[in-house]
Amino acid sequence: MCRATSMATNLAVAVAATAVGCMLVISLTPSRPDAGKTWPSAGRPSAALSGHAGSAARAATSALHATATGAGPEESEEPEDFASPPTGRIEVTAPGPGVDYKANGSFTVAWKNSTGEEVDVWLRAAAGHGRSQRVALVVPRAEAGPAGEAIVTLPKVPPGPRYFLEVATPGDGAVGAVSRTFAITE
């Protein structure tokens, strides 16, 4: 059980460090290499990452799988505990540019989705210096089809010119896209 706790801690540190924008190289090695398992070669890092917390989680999951099973990247069998990360692309097609919306008002958001996964739609606000923050989940678990559309009802938020919508796969949001910015008025 101690080994599982150690791996879980390493994964949590990797995700947390990557979420704050650090570049991280994960190299998981066994605490007892003489335990009778075949381990990946020490000269090959398990994953090299930059930027996205979802990428860190997927790479750490892959590294944990390789360490736990002795499998290299050439073996494709997935353990039952870990699902494959979504692949594909999401593109937000509406709302269009140059439109203002009222707080507590409604409008349509549309997207194309080649991931085959359900999506969440979040209202985001620009926070300056290229950063943004999630304000509210406005559409949870929308359909997984190749094209989607939903009615968004904005929450009561302060008026401002730099809001946008994020359409992303649930959980770590490994695949996602954002709309053009729009203003919210009173």
N, C-alpha and C. Protein backbone atom coordinates (compact mmCIF):
# COMPACT_ATOMS: atom_id res chain seq x y z
N MET A 1 0.83 -1.19 0.00
CA MET A 1 0.00 0.00 0.00
C MET A 1 0.87 1.25 0.00
N CYS A 2 2.05 1.19 0.60
CA CYS A 2 2.94 2.34 0.66
C CYS A 2 3.38 2.76 -0.74
N ARG A 3 3.64 1.77 -1.60
CA ARG A 3 4.06 2.06 -2.98
C ARG A 3 2.95 2.78 -3.74
N ALA A 4 1.71 2.34 -3.57
CA ALA A 4 0.57 2.99 -4.23
C ALA A 4 0.43 4.42 -3.75
N THR A 5 0.61 4.65 -2.46
CA THR A 5 0.52 6.00 -1.91
C THR A 5 1.61 6.88 -2.50
N SER A 6 2.81 6.34 -2.62
CA SER A 6 3.93 7.09 -3.19
C SER A 6 3.65 7.47 -4.64
N MET A 7 3.12 6.54 -5.44
CA MET A 7 2.80 6.84 -6.84
C MET A 7 1.70 7.88 -6.94
N ALA A 8 0.70 7.78 -6.08
CA ALA A 8 -0.40 8.76 -6.09
C ALA A 8 0.12 10.15 -5.73
N THR A 9 1.05 10.21 -4.77
CA THR A 9 1.64 11.50 -4.39
C THR A 9 2.43 12.08 -5.55
N ASN A 10 3.22 11.25 -6.23
CA ASN A 10 4.00 11.73 -7.38
C ASN A 10 3.07 12.27 -8.46
N LEU A 11 1.97 11.60 -8.72
CA LEU A 11 1.01 12.04 -9.73
C LEU A 11 0.39 13.36 -9.33
N ALA A 12 0.00 13.50 -8.06
CA ALA A 12 -0.61 14.74 -7.58
C ALA A 12 0.37 15.91 -7.69
N VAL A 13 1.64 15.70 -7.35
CA VAL A 13 2.64 16.74 -7.46
C VAL A 13 2.84 17.12 -8.92
N ALA A 14 2.88 16.14 -9.82
CA ALA A 14 3.07 16.42 -11.24
C ALA A 14 1.93 17.27 -11.79
N VAL A 15 0.71 16.93 -11.46
CA VAL A 15 -0.45 17.68 -11.95
C VAL A 15 -0.46 19.07 -11.35
N ALA A 16 -0.20 19.20 -10.05
CA ALA A 16 -0.21 20.51 -9.41
C ALA A 16 0.89 21.41 -9.97
N ALA A 17 2.08 20.87 -10.16
CA ALA A 17 3.18 21.67 -10.69
C ALA A 17 2.91 22.12 -12.11
N THR A 18 2.35 21.27 -12.91
CA THR A 18 2.06 21.62 -14.29
C THR A 18 0.91 22.61 -14.37
N ALA A 19 -0.04 22.52 -13.46
CA ALA A 19 -1.19 23.43 -13.47
C ALA A 19 -0.77 24.87 -13.24
N VAL A 20 0.35 25.10 -12.57
CA VAL A 20 0.81 26.47 -12.36
C VAL A 20 1.77 26.91 -13.45
N GLY A 21 1.92 26.16 -14.50
CA GLY A 21 2.67 26.59 -15.66
C GLY A 21 4.13 26.21 -15.67
N CYS A 22 4.54 25.30 -14.88
CA CYS A 22 5.94 24.87 -14.86
C CYS A 22 6.17 23.81 -15.93
N MET A 23 7.42 23.69 -16.35
CA MET A 23 7.77 22.58 -17.24
C MET A 23 8.22 21.46 -16.32
N LEU A 24 7.78 20.25 -16.60
CA LEU A 24 8.00 19.16 -15.68
C LEU A 24 8.40 17.91 -16.45
N VAL A 25 9.41 17.21 -15.97
CA VAL A 25 9.78 15.92 -16.51
C VAL A 25 9.51 14.90 -15.42
N ILE A 26 8.68 13.94 -15.75
CA ILE A 26 8.32 12.91 -14.78
C ILE A 26 9.13 11.66 -15.09
N SER A 27 9.81 11.17 -14.10
CA SER A 27 10.53 9.93 -14.24
C SER A 27 10.24 9.11 -13.00
N LEU A 28 9.33 8.16 -13.12
CA LEU A 28 8.96 7.33 -11.99
C LEU A 28 9.82 6.07 -11.99
N THR A 29 10.45 5.82 -10.87
CA THR A 29 11.28 4.63 -10.74
C THR A 29 10.81 3.87 -9.52
N PRO A 30 11.01 2.57 -9.51
CA PRO A 30 10.54 1.78 -8.37
C PRO A 30 11.40 2.04 -7.14
N SER A 31 10.78 1.93 -5.97
CA SER A 31 11.55 2.09 -4.74
C SER A 31 12.35 0.82 -4.44
N ARG A 32 11.89 -0.31 -4.98
CA ARG A 32 12.61 -1.58 -4.81
C ARG A 32 12.72 -2.26 -6.16
N PRO A 33 13.77 -1.97 -6.95
CA PRO A 33 13.89 -2.57 -8.27
C PRO A 33 14.11 -4.08 -8.23
N ASP A 34 14.45 -4.63 -7.08
CA ASP A 34 14.70 -6.06 -6.97
C ASP A 34 13.43 -6.85 -6.66
N ALA A 35 12.26 -6.23 -6.81
CA ALA A 35 11.00 -6.89 -6.43
C ALA A 35 10.53 -7.92 -7.45
N GLY A 36 11.33 -8.21 -8.48
CA GLY A 36 10.98 -9.26 -9.41
C GLY A 36 10.27 -8.78 -10.66
N LYS A 37 10.08 -7.50 -10.83
CA LYS A 37 9.42 -6.96 -12.02
C LYS A 37 10.47 -6.46 -12.99
N THR A 38 10.08 -6.35 -14.25
CA THR A 38 10.94 -5.75 -15.26
C THR A 38 10.53 -4.29 -15.37
N TRP A 39 11.46 -3.37 -15.17
CA TRP A 39 11.16 -1.94 -15.14
C TRP A 39 11.67 -1.28 -16.41
N PRO A 40 11.08 -0.16 -16.81
CA PRO A 40 11.57 0.57 -17.97
C PRO A 40 13.01 1.01 -17.74
N SER A 41 13.75 1.18 -18.83
CA SER A 41 15.16 1.55 -18.72
C SER A 41 15.29 2.91 -18.05
N ALA A 42 16.32 3.04 -17.22
CA ALA A 42 16.51 4.28 -16.47
C ALA A 42 16.93 5.43 -17.36
N GLY A 43 17.50 5.17 -18.51
CA GLY A 43 17.95 6.23 -19.39
C GLY A 43 16.83 6.92 -20.14
N ARG A 44 15.65 6.34 -20.16
CA ARG A 44 14.52 6.91 -20.92
C ARG A 44 13.53 7.54 -19.97
N PRO A 45 13.34 8.89 -20.03
CA PRO A 45 12.32 9.48 -19.16
C PRO A 45 10.95 9.00 -19.58
N SER A 46 10.08 8.84 -18.60
CA SER A 46 8.74 8.34 -18.88
C SER A 46 7.89 9.36 -19.61
N ALA A 47 8.07 10.65 -19.33
CA ALA A 47 7.25 11.66 -19.99
C ALA A 47 7.93 13.00 -19.89
N ALA A 48 7.80 13.80 -20.92
CA ALA A 48 8.25 15.19 -20.89
C ALA A 48 7.05 16.04 -21.21
N LEU A 49 6.79 17.03 -20.37
CA LEU A 49 5.56 17.79 -20.49
C LEU A 49 5.82 19.27 -20.44
N SER A 50 4.89 20.04 -20.96
CA SER A 50 4.90 21.46 -20.71
C SER A 50 3.51 22.00 -20.81
N GLY A 51 3.12 22.80 -19.85
CA GLY A 51 1.95 23.62 -19.98
C GLY A 51 0.61 23.13 -19.48
N HIS A 52 0.12 22.01 -19.79
CA HIS A 52 -1.29 21.69 -19.57
C HIS A 52 -1.45 20.61 -18.53
N ALA A 53 -2.29 20.85 -17.55
CA ALA A 53 -2.49 19.90 -16.45
C ALA A 53 -3.02 18.57 -16.95
N GLY A 54 -3.88 18.58 -17.96
CA GLY A 54 -4.41 17.34 -18.51
C GLY A 54 -3.31 16.49 -19.13
N SER A 55 -2.33 17.16 -19.79
CA SER A 55 -1.19 16.44 -20.36
C SER A 55 -0.38 15.77 -19.27
N ALA A 56 -0.20 16.49 -18.16
CA ALA A 56 0.57 15.93 -17.05
C ALA A 56 -0.11 14.68 -16.51
N ALA A 57 -1.41 14.75 -16.35
CA ALA A 57 -2.14 13.61 -15.81
C ALA A 57 -2.06 12.42 -16.75
N ARG A 58 -2.21 12.66 -18.06
CA ARG A 58 -2.13 11.55 -19.01
C ARG A 58 -0.74 10.95 -19.03
N ALA A 59 0.30 11.79 -19.01
CA ALA A 59 1.66 11.26 -19.04
C ALA A 59 1.98 10.50 -17.75
N ALA A 60 1.54 11.05 -16.62
CA ALA A 60 1.78 10.37 -15.36
C ALA A 60 1.04 9.04 -15.32
N THR A 61 -0.17 9.01 -15.85
CA THR A 61 -0.94 7.77 -15.91
C THR A 61 -0.22 6.75 -16.77
N SER A 62 0.31 7.18 -17.91
CA SER A 62 1.06 6.27 -18.77
C SER A 62 2.30 5.75 -18.07
N ALA A 63 3.00 6.65 -17.36
CA ALA A 63 4.20 6.23 -16.65
C ALA A 63 3.86 5.24 -15.54
N LEU A 64 2.77 5.50 -14.82
CA LEU A 64 2.36 4.57 -13.77
C LEU A 64 2.03 3.20 -14.36
N HIS A 65 1.35 3.19 -15.50
CA HIS A 65 1.00 1.93 -16.15
C HIS A 65 2.26 1.18 -16.56
N ALA A 66 3.22 1.89 -17.15
CA ALA A 66 4.45 1.23 -17.59
C ALA A 66 5.21 0.69 -16.39
N THR A 67 5.25 1.46 -15.29
CA THR A 67 5.96 1.02 -14.10
C THR A 67 5.26 -0.17 -13.46
N ALA A 68 3.95 -0.11 -13.37
CA ALA A 68 3.20 -1.16 -12.68
C ALA A 68 3.18 -2.48 -13.45
N THR A 69 3.18 -2.42 -14.76
CA THR A 69 3.06 -3.65 -15.54
C THR A 69 4.35 -4.09 -16.19
N GLY A 70 5.36 -3.20 -16.18
CA GLY A 70 6.58 -3.52 -16.89
C GLY A 70 6.42 -3.35 -18.38
N ALA A 71 5.32 -2.79 -18.81
CA ALA A 71 5.04 -2.62 -20.23
C ALA A 71 5.69 -1.36 -20.74
N GLY A 72 6.24 -1.42 -21.91
CA GLY A 72 6.78 -0.24 -22.57
C GLY A 72 5.72 0.38 -23.44
N PRO A 73 6.05 1.48 -24.14
CA PRO A 73 5.07 2.14 -24.98
C PRO A 73 4.62 1.29 -26.15
N GLU A 74 5.38 0.25 -26.50
CA GLU A 74 4.99 -0.58 -27.63
C GLU A 74 3.84 -1.53 -27.28
N GLU A 75 3.58 -1.76 -25.99
CA GLU A 75 2.46 -2.60 -25.58
C GLU A 75 1.25 -1.72 -25.35
N SER A 76 0.10 -2.09 -25.90
CA SER A 76 -1.06 -1.19 -25.87
C SER A 76 -2.12 -1.58 -24.85
N GLU A 77 -1.93 -2.61 -24.06
CA GLU A 77 -2.96 -3.02 -23.11
C GLU A 77 -3.09 -1.99 -21.99
N GLU A 78 -4.30 -1.48 -21.77
CA GLU A 78 -4.58 -0.48 -20.74
C GLU A 78 -5.01 -1.19 -19.47
N PRO A 79 -4.59 -0.72 -18.29
CA PRO A 79 -5.12 -1.29 -17.07
C PRO A 79 -6.58 -0.86 -16.91
N GLU A 80 -7.34 -1.64 -16.17
CA GLU A 80 -8.76 -1.35 -16.01
C GLU A 80 -8.99 -0.06 -15.24
N ASP A 81 -8.08 0.34 -14.35
CA ASP A 81 -8.26 1.52 -13.52
C ASP A 81 -8.14 2.84 -14.30
N PHE A 82 -7.47 2.85 -15.44
CA PHE A 82 -7.21 4.08 -16.17
C PHE A 82 -7.90 4.06 -17.52
N ALA A 83 -8.69 5.07 -17.80
CA ALA A 83 -9.34 5.20 -19.10
C ALA A 83 -8.39 5.93 -20.04
N SER A 84 -8.51 5.67 -21.32
CA SER A 84 -7.71 6.38 -22.30
C SER A 84 -8.13 7.84 -22.33
N PRO A 85 -7.16 8.75 -22.47
CA PRO A 85 -7.52 10.16 -22.54
C PRO A 85 -8.25 10.45 -23.84
N PRO A 86 -9.13 11.45 -23.83
CA PRO A 86 -9.84 11.77 -25.07
C PRO A 86 -8.87 12.31 -26.11
N THR A 87 -9.14 11.98 -27.34
CA THR A 87 -8.36 12.53 -28.44
C THR A 87 -9.34 13.21 -29.37
N GLY A 88 -8.84 14.00 -30.26
CA GLY A 88 -9.70 14.72 -31.17
C GLY A 88 -9.59 16.20 -30.92
N ARG A 89 -10.61 16.91 -31.39
CA ARG A 89 -10.55 18.36 -31.37
C ARG A 89 -11.94 18.93 -31.12
N ILE A 90 -11.99 20.08 -30.48
CA ILE A 90 -13.23 20.81 -30.27
C ILE A 90 -13.04 22.19 -30.87
N GLU A 91 -14.06 22.67 -31.58
CA GLU A 91 -14.03 24.01 -32.16
C GLU A 91 -15.34 24.72 -31.81
N VAL A 92 -15.25 25.89 -31.20
CA VAL A 92 -16.43 26.67 -30.85
C VAL A 92 -16.81 27.51 -32.07
N THR A 93 -18.05 27.35 -32.55
CA THR A 93 -18.49 28.04 -33.76
C THR A 93 -19.45 29.20 -33.48
N ALA A 94 -20.04 29.27 -32.30
CA ALA A 94 -20.91 30.39 -31.92
C ALA A 94 -20.81 30.53 -30.41
N PRO A 95 -20.86 31.70 -29.87
CA PRO A 95 -21.30 32.97 -30.44
C PRO A 95 -20.22 33.60 -31.30
N GLY A 96 -20.68 34.44 -32.21
CA GLY A 96 -19.78 35.15 -33.11
C GLY A 96 -19.20 36.39 -32.44
N PRO A 97 -18.30 37.06 -33.14
CA PRO A 97 -17.65 38.25 -32.58
C PRO A 97 -18.58 39.48 -32.60
N GLY A 98 -18.27 40.45 -31.76
CA GLY A 98 -18.94 41.73 -31.78
C GLY A 98 -20.34 41.77 -31.19
N VAL A 99 -20.70 40.82 -30.36
CA VAL A 99 -22.04 40.80 -29.77
C VAL A 99 -21.90 41.00 -28.26
N ASP A 100 -22.78 41.80 -27.69
CA ASP A 100 -22.83 41.99 -26.24
C ASP A 100 -24.03 41.24 -25.68
N TYR A 101 -23.90 40.75 -24.45
CA TYR A 101 -24.98 40.02 -23.80
C TYR A 101 -25.26 40.63 -22.45
N LYS A 102 -26.49 40.48 -21.99
CA LYS A 102 -26.87 40.99 -20.67
C LYS A 102 -26.68 39.89 -19.63
N ALA A 103 -26.24 40.31 -18.44
CA ALA A 103 -26.16 39.37 -17.33
C ALA A 103 -27.56 38.82 -17.10
N ASN A 104 -27.67 37.56 -16.80
CA ASN A 104 -28.93 36.82 -16.66
C ASN A 104 -29.64 36.61 -17.99
N GLY A 105 -29.01 36.97 -19.11
CA GLY A 105 -29.60 36.75 -20.43
C GLY A 105 -29.21 35.39 -20.97
N SER A 106 -29.83 35.00 -22.08
CA SER A 106 -29.56 33.70 -22.70
C SER A 106 -29.16 33.88 -24.15
N PHE A 107 -28.35 32.95 -24.65
CA PHE A 107 -27.96 32.91 -26.06
C PHE A 107 -27.48 31.51 -26.38
N THR A 108 -27.21 31.26 -27.65
CA THR A 108 -26.81 29.92 -28.09
C THR A 108 -25.30 29.82 -28.24
N VAL A 109 -24.75 28.70 -27.79
CA VAL A 109 -23.36 28.35 -28.04
C VAL A 109 -23.38 27.10 -28.92
N ALA A 110 -22.48 27.05 -29.89
CA ALA A 110 -22.40 25.88 -30.78
C ALA A 110 -20.94 25.47 -30.92
N TRP A 111 -20.72 24.19 -31.21
CA TRP A 111 -19.37 23.66 -31.34
C TRP A 111 -19.35 22.45 -32.23
N LYS A 112 -18.13 22.12 -32.70
CA LYS A 112 -17.85 20.86 -33.40
C LYS A 112 -16.97 20.06 -32.45
N ASN A 113 -17.22 18.74 -32.38
CA ASN A 113 -16.55 17.91 -31.39
C ASN A 113 -16.17 16.57 -32.02
N SER A 114 -14.89 16.34 -32.22
CA SER A 114 -14.45 15.06 -32.78
C SER A 114 -13.87 14.13 -31.71
N THR A 115 -14.07 14.45 -30.43
CA THR A 115 -13.53 13.62 -29.35
C THR A 115 -14.39 12.41 -29.03
N GLY A 116 -15.69 12.49 -29.34
CA GLY A 116 -16.60 11.41 -28.96
C GLY A 116 -16.95 11.46 -27.48
N GLU A 117 -16.58 12.51 -26.78
CA GLU A 117 -16.83 12.67 -25.35
C GLU A 117 -17.89 13.76 -25.13
N GLU A 118 -18.61 13.67 -24.01
CA GLU A 118 -19.48 14.76 -23.61
C GLU A 118 -18.62 15.99 -23.32
N VAL A 119 -19.23 17.17 -23.30
CA VAL A 119 -18.49 18.39 -23.01
C VAL A 119 -19.21 19.22 -21.95
N ASP A 120 -18.44 20.02 -21.25
CA ASP A 120 -18.97 21.02 -20.33
C ASP A 120 -18.73 22.38 -20.97
N VAL A 121 -19.62 23.34 -20.71
CA VAL A 121 -19.44 24.70 -21.19
C VAL A 121 -19.30 25.60 -19.98
N TRP A 122 -18.19 26.35 -19.93
CA TRP A 122 -17.87 27.22 -18.81
C TRP A 122 -17.86 28.67 -19.28
N LEU A 123 -18.33 29.58 -18.43
CA LEU A 123 -18.15 31.01 -18.64
C LEU A 123 -16.80 31.35 -18.02
N ARG A 124 -15.96 32.04 -18.79
CA ARG A 124 -14.63 32.44 -18.31
C ARG A 124 -14.50 33.94 -18.41
N ALA A 125 -13.66 34.52 -17.56
CA ALA A 125 -13.38 35.95 -17.58
C ALA A 125 -11.88 36.15 -17.67
N ALA A 126 -11.47 37.10 -18.52
CA ALA A 126 -10.06 37.43 -18.63
C ALA A 126 -9.60 38.05 -17.32
N ALA A 127 -8.45 37.63 -16.83
CA ALA A 127 -7.93 38.12 -15.55
C ALA A 127 -6.68 38.98 -15.75
N GLY A 128 -6.32 39.27 -17.00
CA GLY A 128 -5.14 40.08 -17.27
C GLY A 128 -3.89 39.24 -17.43
N HIS A 129 -2.93 39.80 -18.12
CA HIS A 129 -1.63 39.15 -18.37
C HIS A 129 -1.78 37.78 -19.04
N GLY A 130 -2.77 37.67 -19.93
CA GLY A 130 -2.96 36.42 -20.67
C GLY A 130 -3.62 35.31 -19.87
N ARG A 131 -4.08 35.60 -18.67
CA ARG A 131 -4.71 34.58 -17.84
C ARG A 131 -6.22 34.78 -17.83
N SER A 132 -6.92 33.73 -17.48
CA SER A 132 -8.37 33.80 -17.33
C SER A 132 -8.79 32.86 -16.21
N GLN A 133 -10.03 33.01 -15.78
CA GLN A 133 -10.52 32.13 -14.73
C GLN A 133 -11.94 31.70 -15.06
N ARG A 134 -12.27 30.48 -14.63
CA ARG A 134 -13.62 29.99 -14.79
C ARG A 134 -14.53 30.72 -13.81
N VAL A 135 -15.66 31.22 -14.32
CA VAL A 135 -16.61 31.94 -13.49
C VAL A 135 -17.76 31.02 -13.09
N ALA A 136 -18.31 30.28 -14.07
CA ALA A 136 -19.46 29.41 -13.77
C ALA A 136 -19.59 28.33 -14.82
N LEU A 137 -20.05 27.17 -14.39
CA LEU A 137 -20.41 26.09 -15.32
C LEU A 137 -21.80 26.43 -15.83
N VAL A 138 -21.93 26.71 -17.14
CA VAL A 138 -23.22 27.15 -17.68
C VAL A 138 -23.95 26.04 -18.43
N VAL A 139 -23.25 25.00 -18.89
CA VAL A 139 -23.89 23.83 -19.50
C VAL A 139 -23.08 22.60 -19.09
N PRO A 140 -23.60 21.78 -18.16
CA PRO A 140 -22.87 20.56 -17.78
C PRO A 140 -23.23 19.39 -18.70
N ARG A 141 -22.23 18.60 -19.01
CA ARG A 141 -22.39 17.32 -19.71
C ARG A 141 -23.29 17.39 -20.95
N ALA A 142 -22.92 18.23 -21.90
CA ALA A 142 -23.66 18.30 -23.16
C ALA A 142 -23.31 17.08 -24.01
N GLU A 143 -24.12 16.79 -25.00
CA GLU A 143 -23.98 15.58 -25.82
C GLU A 143 -22.60 15.41 -26.43
N ALA A 144 -22.28 14.18 -26.78
CA ALA A 144 -20.97 13.82 -27.31
C ALA A 144 -20.94 13.79 -28.84
N GLY A 145 -21.96 14.21 -29.52
CA GLY A 145 -22.03 14.13 -30.98
C GLY A 145 -20.99 14.99 -31.68
N PRO A 146 -20.87 14.83 -32.99
CA PRO A 146 -19.87 15.58 -33.75
C PRO A 146 -20.16 17.07 -33.84
N ALA A 147 -21.40 17.48 -33.61
CA ALA A 147 -21.76 18.89 -33.55
C ALA A 147 -22.73 19.06 -32.39
N GLY A 148 -22.58 20.15 -31.67
CA GLY A 148 -23.43 20.36 -30.52
C GLY A 148 -23.89 21.80 -30.43
N GLU A 149 -24.95 21.99 -29.68
CA GLU A 149 -25.52 23.31 -29.50
C GLU A 149 -26.27 23.31 -28.18
N ALA A 150 -26.20 24.42 -27.46
CA ALA A 150 -26.90 24.52 -26.18
C ALA A 150 -27.25 25.97 -25.92
N ILE A 151 -28.26 26.17 -25.12
CA ILE A 151 -28.65 27.52 -24.70
C ILE A 151 -27.93 27.80 -23.40
N VAL A 152 -27.22 28.92 -23.38
CA VAL A 152 -26.47 29.35 -22.21
C VAL A 152 -27.26 30.47 -21.53
N THR A 153 -27.49 30.35 -20.25
CA THR A 153 -28.06 31.44 -19.46
C THR A 153 -26.95 31.96 -18.56
N LEU A 154 -26.58 33.21 -18.78
CA LEU A 154 -25.48 33.79 -18.03
C LEU A 154 -25.88 34.03 -16.57
N PRO A 155 -24.97 33.79 -15.65
CA PRO A 155 -25.25 34.13 -14.26
C PRO A 155 -25.11 35.64 -14.06
N LYS A 156 -25.50 36.13 -12.91
CA LYS A 156 -25.33 37.55 -12.59
C LYS A 156 -23.85 37.76 -12.31
N VAL A 157 -23.19 38.46 -13.22
CA VAL A 157 -21.76 38.74 -13.09
C VAL A 157 -21.54 40.23 -13.30
N PRO A 158 -20.42 40.76 -12.85
CA PRO A 158 -20.14 42.18 -13.08
C PRO A 158 -20.01 42.45 -14.58
N PRO A 159 -20.50 43.60 -15.05
CA PRO A 159 -20.34 43.93 -16.46
C PRO A 159 -18.87 44.03 -16.82
N GLY A 160 -18.56 43.68 -18.05
CA GLY A 160 -17.17 43.77 -18.49
C GLY A 160 -17.04 43.36 -19.94
N PRO A 161 -15.92 43.74 -20.58
CA PRO A 161 -15.75 43.50 -22.00
C PRO A 161 -15.04 42.21 -22.36
N ARG A 162 -14.52 41.45 -21.40
CA ARG A 162 -13.64 40.33 -21.74
C ARG A 162 -14.09 39.01 -21.15
N TYR A 163 -15.27 38.59 -21.51
CA TYR A 163 -15.78 37.27 -21.14
C TYR A 163 -15.72 36.38 -22.38
N PHE A 164 -15.67 35.07 -22.17
CA PHE A 164 -15.73 34.11 -23.27
C PHE A 164 -16.20 32.77 -22.72
N LEU A 165 -16.53 31.85 -23.62
CA LEU A 165 -16.98 30.52 -23.23
C LEU A 165 -15.89 29.51 -23.52
N GLU A 166 -15.77 28.53 -22.65
CA GLU A 166 -14.86 27.40 -22.85
C GLU A 166 -15.71 26.15 -23.01
N VAL A 167 -15.48 25.40 -24.08
CA VAL A 167 -16.14 24.11 -24.29
C VAL A 167 -15.03 23.06 -24.14
N ALA A 168 -15.16 22.17 -23.15
CA ALA A 168 -14.07 21.23 -22.85
C ALA A 168 -14.63 19.90 -22.38
N THR A 169 -13.82 18.85 -22.54
CA THR A 169 -14.20 17.55 -22.01
C THR A 169 -14.20 17.66 -20.48
N PRO A 170 -15.10 16.93 -19.80
CA PRO A 170 -15.19 17.02 -18.34
C PRO A 170 -13.92 16.53 -17.65
N GLY A 171 -13.86 16.79 -16.39
CA GLY A 171 -12.71 16.36 -15.60
C GLY A 171 -11.56 17.33 -15.76
N ASP A 172 -10.45 16.85 -16.31
CA ASP A 172 -9.29 17.71 -16.45
C ASP A 172 -9.35 18.63 -17.67
N GLY A 173 -10.41 18.53 -18.47
CA GLY A 173 -10.54 19.40 -19.65
C GLY A 173 -9.41 19.21 -20.62
N ALA A 174 -8.99 17.96 -20.81
CA ALA A 174 -7.83 17.66 -21.64
C ALA A 174 -7.99 18.17 -23.07
N VAL A 175 -9.20 18.19 -23.59
CA VAL A 175 -9.44 18.72 -24.93
C VAL A 175 -10.49 19.81 -24.78
N GLY A 176 -10.22 20.97 -25.35
CA GLY A 176 -11.18 22.06 -25.25
C GLY A 176 -10.85 23.18 -26.20
N ALA A 177 -11.77 24.14 -26.28
CA ALA A 177 -11.59 25.33 -27.11
C ALA A 177 -12.39 26.46 -26.50
N VAL A 178 -12.09 27.68 -26.91
CA VAL A 178 -12.78 28.85 -26.38
C VAL A 178 -13.42 29.65 -27.51
N SER A 179 -14.47 30.39 -27.14
CA SER A 179 -15.14 31.27 -28.09
C SER A 179 -14.38 32.58 -28.19
N ARG A 180 -14.85 33.43 -29.09
CA ARG A 180 -14.32 34.80 -29.13
C ARG A 180 -14.82 35.53 -27.90
N THR A 181 -14.11 36.58 -27.52
CA THR A 181 -14.53 37.34 -26.35
C THR A 181 -15.80 38.14 -26.66
N PHE A 182 -16.56 38.38 -25.61
CA PHE A 182 -17.77 39.20 -25.73
C PHE A 182 -17.93 40.01 -24.46
N ALA A 183 -18.75 41.03 -24.53
CA ALA A 183 -19.01 41.88 -23.37
C ALA A 183 -20.30 41.45 -22.70
N ILE A 184 -20.33 41.62 -21.39
CA ILE A 184 -21.56 41.41 -20.63
C ILE A 184 -21.94 42.78 -20.07
N THR A 185 -23.18 43.20 -20.35
CA THR A 185 -23.68 44.50 -19.91
C THR A 185 -24.73 44.32 -18.83
N GLU A 186 -25.13 45.43 -18.23
CA GLU A 186 -26.18 45.35 -17.21
C GLU A 186 -27.55 45.29 -17.81
